[in-house]
Amino acid sequence: MKRALLTTALAAAAAITFTPAASAGTVHEICAQDLYVRTQPAGVIIGTLYRGDHFELSRYSPSGDWAEGYAMGHVNQRGWIQAGWFC
């Protein structure tokens, strides 16, 4: 019985996937003091967003660590930012 419960618990844990809190297609406020905008995940820096600037989210990287979209404020172009800095 214990083995069956453990197997079920492990299967349920393996089925859990990362679901970012912010949804695609919406505009989000940046809560970081400053946040680099890059050409790709961990790529070349093309600008900086500051607290209170906005980012229109298009999608997340497969890992969920990076977000792609349109960076407003001082950048005003598409790029990638580290995920998790939305208010």
Protein backbone atom coordinates (compact mmCIF):
# COMPACT_ATOMS: atom_id res chain seq x y z
CA MET A 1 0.00 0.00 0.00
CA LYS A 2 2.77 2.45 0.94
CA ARG A 3 4.58 1.69 -2.31
CA ALA A 4 1.45 2.41 -4.34
CA LEU A 5 0.95 5.75 -2.56
CA LEU A 6 4.58 6.69 -3.12
CA THR A 7 4.35 5.78 -6.82
CA THR A 8 1.19 7.87 -7.18
CA ALA A 9 2.77 10.84 -5.38
CA LEU A 10 5.89 10.68 -7.56
CA ALA A 11 3.80 10.50 -10.74
CA ALA A 12 1.78 13.54 -9.65
CA ALA A 13 4.94 15.51 -8.85
CA ALA A 14 6.42 14.66 -12.26
CA ALA A 15 3.26 15.95 -13.97
CA ILE A 16 3.61 19.42 -12.45
CA THR A 17 4.83 21.98 -14.98
CA PHE A 18 5.97 25.57 -14.58
CA THR A 19 3.11 28.03 -15.08
CA PRO A 20 4.20 31.68 -14.95
CA ALA A 21 1.94 34.01 -13.01
CA ALA A 22 1.76 36.61 -15.79
CA SER A 23 -0.22 35.76 -18.91
CA ALA A 24 0.83 36.36 -22.51
CA GLY A 25 -0.72 39.19 -24.49
CA THR A 26 -1.00 41.54 -21.54
CA VAL A 27 0.96 44.61 -20.47
CA HIS A 28 2.77 44.31 -17.15
CA GLU A 29 4.48 46.86 -14.93
CA ILE A 30 8.14 46.25 -14.07
CA CYS A 31 8.87 46.03 -10.32
CA ALA A 32 12.66 45.67 -10.56
CA GLN A 33 14.80 48.75 -9.91
CA ASP A 34 16.28 48.20 -13.39
CA LEU A 35 16.05 45.28 -15.78
CA TYR A 36 18.07 44.61 -18.93
CA VAL A 37 16.29 43.97 -22.22
CA ARG A 38 18.20 41.54 -24.44
CA THR A 39 18.17 40.29 -28.04
CA GLN A 40 17.54 36.72 -26.82
CA PRO A 41 17.63 34.90 -23.48
CA ALA A 42 21.01 35.80 -21.89
CA GLY A 43 21.86 37.65 -25.13
CA VAL A 44 23.23 41.09 -25.96
CA ILE A 45 21.77 43.97 -23.91
CA ILE A 46 19.76 46.40 -26.05
CA GLY A 47 18.25 48.57 -23.33
CA THR A 48 17.09 48.91 -19.75
CA LEU A 49 13.63 49.00 -18.23
CA TYR A 50 13.16 50.81 -14.93
CA ARG A 51 10.66 50.40 -12.09
CA GLY A 52 7.26 51.51 -13.36
CA ASP A 53 8.05 50.91 -17.07
CA HIS A 54 5.82 48.48 -18.95
CA PHE A 55 6.38 45.28 -20.92
CA GLU A 56 3.86 43.65 -23.27
CA LEU A 57 4.38 39.94 -22.75
CA SER A 58 4.30 37.65 -25.81
CA ARG A 59 5.68 34.37 -24.49
CA TYR A 60 8.00 32.65 -22.04
CA SER A 61 11.10 30.60 -22.85
CA PRO A 62 10.62 26.83 -22.42
CA SER A 63 12.39 27.01 -19.04
CA GLY A 64 10.14 29.86 -17.89
CA ASP A 65 13.23 31.88 -16.89
CA TRP A 66 12.89 34.47 -19.69
CA ALA A 67 10.00 36.47 -21.14
CA GLU A 68 9.78 37.84 -24.70
CA GLY A 69 7.74 40.87 -25.65
CA TYR A 70 7.68 44.57 -26.38
CA ALA A 71 9.65 46.68 -23.92
CA MET A 72 8.16 50.13 -23.47
CA GLY A 73 9.70 53.06 -21.61
CA HIS A 74 13.30 53.81 -22.55
CA VAL A 75 13.61 50.84 -24.92
CA ASN A 76 10.57 50.79 -27.24
CA GLN A 77 11.43 47.59 -29.07
CA ARG A 78 10.98 43.82 -28.85
CA GLY A 79 13.31 41.84 -26.64
CA TRP A 80 13.77 39.38 -23.79
CA ILE A 81 13.86 40.03 -20.04
CA GLN A 82 14.38 37.81 -17.02
CA ALA A 83 10.97 36.54 -15.94
CA GLY A 84 9.57 37.20 -12.51
CA TRP A 85 9.91 40.98 -12.30
CA PHE A 86 6.30 41.93 -12.96
CA CYS A 87 4.23 43.65 -10.25
